[in-house]
Amino acid sequence: MGAGRATQLWIGLARAALVSDTSATSSQRDETDDNTALEPATVARAIDEHQREEAYDQVIVGYLLQIG
């Protein structure tokens, strides 16, 4: 897999993990620094803290399978 494709998948995973939090207001999301949002620990924490929903889990697993 090319570096460009891997980067696109990682950004997609980060967006899916972070944006899916509907309880956060848009102003709170705007305050999140883009670089911080892409850090592995931030993405992992967002996934871990998200309530288990089948559709959410499927999206996250889909990205992880493509990255792997």
PDB file of N, CA and C in Angstrom:
ATOM      1  N   MET A   1       0.863  -1.177   0.000  1.00  0.00           N
ATOM      2  CA  MET A   1       0.000   0.000   0.000  1.00  0.00           C
ATOM      3  C   MET A   1       0.899   1.226   0.000  1.00  0.00           C
ATOM      4  N   GLY A   2       0.571   2.181  -0.836  1.00  0.00           N
ATOM      5  CA  GLY A   2       1.347   3.404  -0.911  1.00  0.00           C
ATOM      6  C   GLY A   2       1.130   4.278   0.307  1.00  0.00           C
ATOM      7  N   ALA A   3       2.104   5.121   0.562  1.00  0.00           N
ATOM      8  CA  ALA A   3       2.010   6.015   1.721  1.00  0.00           C
ATOM      9  C   ALA A   3       0.810   6.941   1.622  1.00  0.00           C
ATOM     10  N   GLY A   4       0.496   7.394   0.413  1.00  0.00           N
ATOM     11  CA  GLY A   4      -0.648   8.281   0.223  1.00  0.00           C
ATOM     12  C   GLY A   4      -1.959   7.601   0.594  1.00  0.00           C
ATOM     13  N   ARG A   5      -2.110   6.345   0.178  1.00  0.00           N
ATOM     14  CA  ARG A   5      -3.330   5.589   0.496  1.00  0.00           C
ATOM     15  C   ARG A   5      -3.417   5.326   1.997  1.00  0.00           C
ATOM     16  N   ALA A   6      -2.307   4.977   2.610  1.00  0.00           N
ATOM     17  CA  ALA A   6      -2.290   4.733   4.052  1.00  0.00           C
ATOM     18  C   ALA A   6      -2.678   5.999   4.814  1.00  0.00           C
ATOM     19  N   THR A   7      -2.197   7.132   4.364  1.00  0.00           N
ATOM     20  CA  THR A   7      -2.533   8.401   4.993  1.00  0.00           C
ATOM     21  C   THR A   7      -4.019   8.699   4.857  1.00  0.00           C
ATOM     22  N   GLN A   8      -4.572   8.466   3.669  1.00  0.00           N
ATOM     23  CA  GLN A   8      -5.998   8.693   3.452  1.00  0.00           C
ATOM     24  C   GLN A   8      -6.840   7.795   4.361  1.00  0.00           C
ATOM     25  N   LEU A   9      -6.437   6.541   4.503  1.00  0.00           N
ATOM     26  CA  LEU A   9      -7.181   5.625   5.366  1.00  0.00           C
ATOM     27  C   LEU A   9      -7.089   6.053   6.822  1.00  0.00           C
ATOM     28  N   TRP A  10      -5.907   6.483   7.253  1.00  0.00           N
ATOM     29  CA  TRP A  10      -5.754   6.918   8.640  1.00  0.00           C
ATOM     30  C   TRP A  10      -6.620   8.145   8.919  1.00  0.00           C
ATOM     31  N   ILE A  11      -6.641   9.090   8.023  1.00  0.00           N
ATOM     32  CA  ILE A  11      -7.466  10.290   8.196  1.00  0.00           C
ATOM     33  C   ILE A  11      -8.944   9.901   8.219  1.00  0.00           C
ATOM     34  N   GLY A  12      -9.333   8.983   7.360  1.00  0.00           N
ATOM     35  CA  GLY A  12     -10.717   8.509   7.363  1.00  0.00           C
ATOM     36  C   GLY A  12     -11.089   7.854   8.679  1.00  0.00           C
ATOM     37  N   LEU A  13     -10.183   7.036   9.208  1.00  0.00           N
ATOM     38  CA  LEU A  13     -10.416   6.390  10.503  1.00  0.00           C
ATOM     39  C   LEU A  13     -10.536   7.432  11.601  1.00  0.00           C
ATOM     40  N   ALA A  14      -9.637   8.402  11.614  1.00  0.00           N
ATOM     41  CA  ALA A  14      -9.671   9.443  12.645  1.00  0.00           C
ATOM     42  C   ALA A  14     -10.971  10.239  12.573  1.00  0.00           C
ATOM     43  N   ARG A  15     -11.387  10.595  11.376  1.00  0.00           N
ATOM     44  CA  ARG A  15     -12.647  11.341  11.219  1.00  0.00           C
ATOM     45  C   ARG A  15     -13.827  10.518  11.691  1.00  0.00           C
ATOM     46  N   ALA A  16     -13.852   9.245  11.308  1.00  0.00           N
ATOM     47  CA  ALA A  16     -14.957   8.376  11.727  1.00  0.00           C
ATOM     48  C   ALA A  16     -14.987   8.235  13.243  1.00  0.00           C
ATOM     49  N   ALA A  17     -13.827   8.127  13.846  1.00  0.00           N
ATOM     50  CA  ALA A  17     -13.758   7.955  15.299  1.00  0.00           C
ATOM     51  C   ALA A  17     -14.158   9.219  16.031  1.00  0.00           C
ATOM     52  N   LEU A  18     -13.756  10.370  15.531  1.00  0.00           N
ATOM     53  CA  LEU A  18     -13.965  11.625  16.249  1.00  0.00           C
ATOM     54  C   LEU A  18     -15.265  12.334  15.886  1.00  0.00           C
ATOM     55  N   VAL A  19     -15.624  12.365  14.632  1.00  0.00           N
ATOM     56  CA  VAL A  19     -16.791  13.117  14.188  1.00  0.00           C
ATOM     57  C   VAL A  19     -18.078  12.426  14.590  1.00  0.00           C
ATOM     58  N   SER A  20     -18.046  11.147  14.774  1.00  0.00           N
ATOM     59  CA  SER A  20     -19.268  10.412  15.081  1.00  0.00           C
ATOM     60  C   SER A  20     -19.789  10.712  16.476  1.00  0.00           C
ATOM     61  N   ASP A  21     -19.047  11.432  17.275  1.00  0.00           N
ATOM     62  CA  ASP A  21     -19.508  11.803  18.613  1.00  0.00           C
ATOM     63  C   ASP A  21     -20.516  12.928  18.480  1.00  0.00           C
ATOM     64  N   THR A  22     -21.800  12.574  18.446  1.00  0.00           N
ATOM     65  CA  THR A  22     -22.849  13.571  18.240  1.00  0.00           C
ATOM     66  C   THR A  22     -23.111  14.409  19.476  1.00  0.00           C
ATOM     67  N   SER A  23     -22.566  14.013  20.608  1.00  0.00           N
ATOM     68  CA  SER A  23     -22.791  14.791  21.824  1.00  0.00           C
ATOM     69  C   SER A  23     -21.903  16.030  21.885  1.00  0.00           C
ATOM     70  N   ALA A  24     -20.856  16.054  21.100  1.00  0.00           N
ATOM     71  CA  ALA A  24     -19.959  17.209  21.090  1.00  0.00           C
ATOM     72  C   ALA A  24     -20.544  18.292  20.195  1.00  0.00           C
ATOM     73  N   THR A  25     -20.469  19.512  20.649  1.00  0.00           N
ATOM     74  CA  THR A  25     -20.968  20.620  19.845  1.00  0.00           C
ATOM     75  C   THR A  25     -19.944  20.971  18.784  1.00  0.00           C
ATOM     76  N   SER A  26     -20.374  21.670  17.769  1.00  0.00           N
ATOM     77  CA  SER A  26     -19.445  22.020  16.695  1.00  0.00           C
ATOM     78  C   SER A  26     -18.345  22.935  17.203  1.00  0.00           C
ATOM     79  N   SER A  27     -18.631  23.778  18.184  1.00  0.00           N
ATOM     80  CA  SER A  27     -17.584  24.656  18.706  1.00  0.00           C
ATOM     81  C   SER A  27     -16.519  23.863  19.449  1.00  0.00           C
ATOM     82  N   GLN A  28     -16.921  22.793  20.121  1.00  0.00           N
ATOM     83  CA  GLN A  28     -15.935  21.951  20.794  1.00  0.00           C
ATOM     84  C   GLN A  28     -15.068  21.246  19.772  1.00  0.00           C
ATOM     85  N   ARG A  29     -15.682  20.778  18.679  1.00  0.00           N
ATOM     86  CA  ARG A  29     -14.912  20.102  17.644  1.00  0.00           C
ATOM     87  C   ARG A  29     -13.977  21.071  16.952  1.00  0.00           C
ATOM     88  N   ASP A  30     -14.410  22.332  16.768  1.00  0.00           N
ATOM     89  CA  ASP A  30     -13.563  23.321  16.113  1.00  0.00           C
ATOM     90  C   ASP A  30     -12.326  23.622  16.936  1.00  0.00           C
ATOM     91  N   GLU A  31     -12.427  23.472  18.257  1.00  0.00           N
ATOM     92  CA  GLU A  31     -11.298  23.767  19.132  1.00  0.00           C
ATOM     93  C   GLU A  31     -10.241  22.684  19.075  1.00  0.00           C
ATOM     94  N   THR A  32     -10.605  21.486  18.596  1.00  0.00           N
ATOM     95  CA  THR A  32      -9.656  20.389  18.532  1.00  0.00           C
ATOM     96  C   THR A  32      -8.645  20.661  17.429  1.00  0.00           C
ATOM     97  N   ASP A  33      -7.390  20.659  17.787  1.00  0.00           N
ATOM     98  CA  ASP A  33      -6.320  20.874  16.827  1.00  0.00           C
ATOM     99  C   ASP A  33      -6.250  19.676  15.884  1.00  0.00           C
ATOM    100  N   ASP A  34      -6.149  19.947  14.582  1.00  0.00           N
ATOM    101  CA  ASP A  34      -6.119  18.874  13.588  1.00  0.00           C
ATOM    102  C   ASP A  34      -4.996  17.881  13.850  1.00  0.00           C
ATOM    103  N   ASN A  35      -3.822  18.370  14.226  1.00  0.00           N
ATOM    104  CA  ASN A  35      -2.701  17.470  14.482  1.00  0.00           C
ATOM    105  C   ASN A  35      -2.969  16.573  15.681  1.00  0.00           C
ATOM    106  N   THR A  36      -3.574  17.129  16.714  1.00  0.00           N
ATOM    107  CA  THR A  36      -3.905  16.349  17.895  1.00  0.00           C
ATOM    108  C   THR A  36      -4.946  15.292  17.553  1.00  0.00           C
ATOM    109  N   ALA A  37      -5.915  15.659  16.713  1.00  0.00           N
ATOM    110  CA  ALA A  37      -6.979  14.731  16.335  1.00  0.00           C
ATOM    111  C   ALA A  37      -6.437  13.532  15.570  1.00  0.00           C
ATOM    112  N   LEU A  38      -5.321  13.679  14.906  1.00  0.00           N
ATOM    113  CA  LEU A  38      -4.760  12.585  14.120  1.00  0.00           C
ATOM    114  C   LEU A  38      -3.784  11.715  14.905  1.00  0.00           C
ATOM    115  N   GLU A  39      -3.488  12.077  16.139  1.00  0.00           N
ATOM    116  CA  GLU A  39      -2.563  11.284  16.933  1.00  0.00           C
ATOM    117  C   GLU A  39      -3.206   9.942  17.278  1.00  0.00           C
ATOM    118  N   PRO A  40      -2.433   8.866  17.204  1.00  0.00           N
ATOM    119  CA  PRO A  40      -2.987   7.541  17.493  1.00  0.00           C
ATOM    120  C   PRO A  40      -3.671   7.436  18.857  1.00  0.00           C
ATOM    121  N   ALA A  41      -3.113   8.053  19.874  1.00  0.00           N
ATOM    122  CA  ALA A  41      -3.720   7.978  21.208  1.00  0.00           C
ATOM    123  C   ALA A  41      -5.086   8.658  21.233  1.00  0.00           C
ATOM    124  N   THR A  42      -5.230   9.758  20.512  1.00  0.00           N
ATOM    125  CA  THR A  42      -6.508  10.474  20.459  1.00  0.00           C
ATOM    126  C   THR A  42      -7.551   9.643  19.735  1.00  0.00           C
ATOM    127  N   VAL A  43      -7.164   9.035  18.626  1.00  0.00           N
ATOM    128  CA  VAL A  43      -8.084   8.193  17.860  1.00  0.00           C
ATOM    129  C   VAL A  43      -8.497   6.979  18.688  1.00  0.00           C
ATOM    130  N   ALA A  44      -7.525   6.335  19.321  1.00  0.00           N
ATOM    131  CA  ALA A  44      -7.823   5.163  20.150  1.00  0.00           C
ATOM    132  C   ALA A  44      -8.757   5.515  21.295  1.00  0.00           C
ATOM    133  N   ARG A  45      -8.526   6.643  21.927  1.00  0.00           N
ATOM    134  CA  ARG A  45      -9.377   7.074  23.047  1.00  0.00           C
ATOM    135  C   ARG A  45     -10.807   7.333  22.573  1.00  0.00           C
ATOM    136  N   ALA A  46     -10.954   7.962  21.409  1.00  0.00           N
ATOM    137  CA  ALA A  46     -12.285   8.238  20.861  1.00  0.00           C
ATOM    138  C   ALA A  46     -13.024   6.941  20.558  1.00  0.00           C
ATOM    139  N   ILE A  47     -12.318   5.967  20.001  1.00  0.00           N
ATOM    140  CA  ILE A  47     -12.942   4.676  19.707  1.00  0.00           C
ATOM    141  C   ILE A  47     -13.332   3.975  21.007  1.00  0.00           C
ATOM    142  N   ASP A  48     -12.432   3.984  21.970  1.00  0.00           N
ATOM    143  CA  ASP A  48     -12.671   3.304  23.244  1.00  0.00           C
ATOM    144  C   ASP A  48     -13.831   3.922  24.019  1.00  0.00           C
ATOM    145  N   GLU A  49     -13.957   5.245  23.964  1.00  0.00           N
ATOM    146  CA  GLU A  49     -14.980   5.936  24.745  1.00  0.00           C
ATOM    147  C   GLU A  49     -16.343   5.952  24.065  1.00  0.00           C
ATOM    148  N   HIS A  50     -16.396   5.577  22.791  1.00  0.00           N
ATOM    149  CA  HIS A  50     -17.657   5.613  22.053  1.00  0.00           C
ATOM    150  C   HIS A  50     -18.562   4.475  22.516  1.00  0.00           C
ATOM    151  N   GLN A  51     -19.849   4.781  22.640  1.00  0.00           N
ATOM    152  CA  GLN A  51     -20.800   3.731  22.981  1.00  0.00           C
ATOM    153  C   GLN A  51     -20.861   2.743  21.832  1.00  0.00           C
ATOM    154  N   ARG A  52     -21.008   1.493  22.172  1.00  0.00           N
ATOM    155  CA  ARG A  52     -21.007   0.441  21.167  1.00  0.00           C
ATOM    156  C   ARG A  52     -22.291   0.476  20.356  1.00  0.00           C
ATOM    157  N   GLU A  53     -22.127   0.771  19.083  1.00  0.00           N
ATOM    158  CA  GLU A  53     -23.212   0.751  18.120  1.00  0.00           C
ATOM    159  C   GLU A  53     -22.710  -0.057  16.936  1.00  0.00           C
ATOM    160  N   GLU A  54     -23.556  -0.918  16.407  1.00  0.00           N
ATOM    161  CA  GLU A  54     -23.126  -1.819  15.344  1.00  0.00           C
ATOM    162  C   GLU A  54     -22.604  -1.070  14.121  1.00  0.00           C
ATOM    163  N   ALA A  55     -23.301  -0.032  13.692  1.00  0.00           N
ATOM    164  CA  ALA A  55     -22.868   0.706  12.504  1.00  0.00           C
ATOM    165  C   ALA A  55     -21.515   1.372  12.729  1.00  0.00           C
ATOM    166  N   TYR A  56     -21.330   1.960  13.903  1.00  0.00           N
ATOM    167  CA  TYR A  56     -20.048   2.610  14.239  1.00  0.00           C
ATOM    168  C   TYR A  56     -18.925   1.575  14.210  1.00  0.00           C
ATOM    169  N   ASP A  57     -19.161   0.450  14.868  1.00  0.00           N
ATOM    170  CA  ASP A  57     -18.143  -0.596  14.918  1.00  0.00           C
ATOM    171  C   ASP A  57     -17.789  -1.095  13.516  1.00  0.00           C
ATOM    172  N   GLN A  58     -18.789  -1.227  12.652  1.00  0.00           N
ATOM    173  CA  GLN A  58     -18.533  -1.692  11.296  1.00  0.00           C
ATOM    174  C   GLN A  58     -17.661  -0.715  10.521  1.00  0.00           C
ATOM    175  N   VAL A  59     -17.910   0.568  10.683  1.00  0.00           N
ATOM    176  CA  VAL A  59     -17.093   1.577   9.992  1.00  0.00           C
ATOM    177  C   VAL A  59     -15.654   1.526  10.490  1.00  0.00           C
ATOM    178  N   ILE A  60     -15.479   1.483  11.803  1.00  0.00           N
ATOM    179  CA  ILE A  60     -14.126   1.451  12.381  1.00  0.00           C
ATOM    180  C   ILE A  60     -13.387   0.188  11.946  1.00  0.00           C
ATOM    181  N   VAL A  61     -14.048  -0.964  12.038  1.00  0.00           N
ATOM    182  CA  VAL A  61     -13.412  -2.220  11.633  1.00  0.00           C
ATOM    183  C   VAL A  61     -13.084  -2.202  10.144  1.00  0.00           C
ATOM    184  N   GLY A  62     -13.959  -1.619   9.340  1.00  0.00           N
ATOM    185  CA  GLY A  62     -13.695  -1.513   7.909  1.00  0.00           C
ATOM    186  C   GLY A  62     -12.413  -0.746   7.627  1.00  0.00           C
ATOM    187  N   TYR A  63     -12.236   0.375   8.307  1.00  0.00           N
ATOM    188  CA  TYR A  63     -10.995   1.136   8.124  1.00  0.00           C
ATOM    189  C   TYR A  63      -9.787   0.349   8.606  1.00  0.00           C
ATOM    190  N   LEU A  64      -9.915  -0.312   9.741  1.00  0.00           N
ATOM    191  CA  LEU A  64      -8.794  -1.082  10.268  1.00  0.00           C
ATOM    192  C   LEU A  64      -8.401  -2.235   9.338  1.00  0.00           C
ATOM    193  N   LEU A  65      -9.396  -2.894   8.747  1.00  0.00           N
ATOM    194  CA  LEU A  65      -9.104  -3.970   7.805  1.00  0.00           C
ATOM    195  C   LEU A  65      -8.382  -3.439   6.563  1.00  0.00           C
ATOM    196  N   GLN A  66      -8.799  -2.293   6.079  1.00  0.00           N
ATOM    197  CA  GLN A  66      -8.137  -1.712   4.907  1.00  0.00           C
ATOM    198  C   GLN A  66      -6.709  -1.284   5.223  1.00  0.00           C
ATOM    199  N   ILE A  67      -6.507  -0.749   6.426  1.00  0.00           N
ATOM    200  CA  ILE A  67      -5.154  -0.332   6.825  1.00  0.00           C
ATOM    201  C   ILE A  67      -4.249  -1.550   6.955  1.00  0.00           C
ATOM    202  N   GLY A  68      -4.810  -2.614   7.552  1.00  0.00           N
ATOM    203  CA  GLY A  68      -4.041  -3.856   7.774  1.00  0.00           C
ATOM    204  C   GLY A  68      -3.720  -4.521   6.472  1.00  0.00           C
TER     205      GLY A  68
END
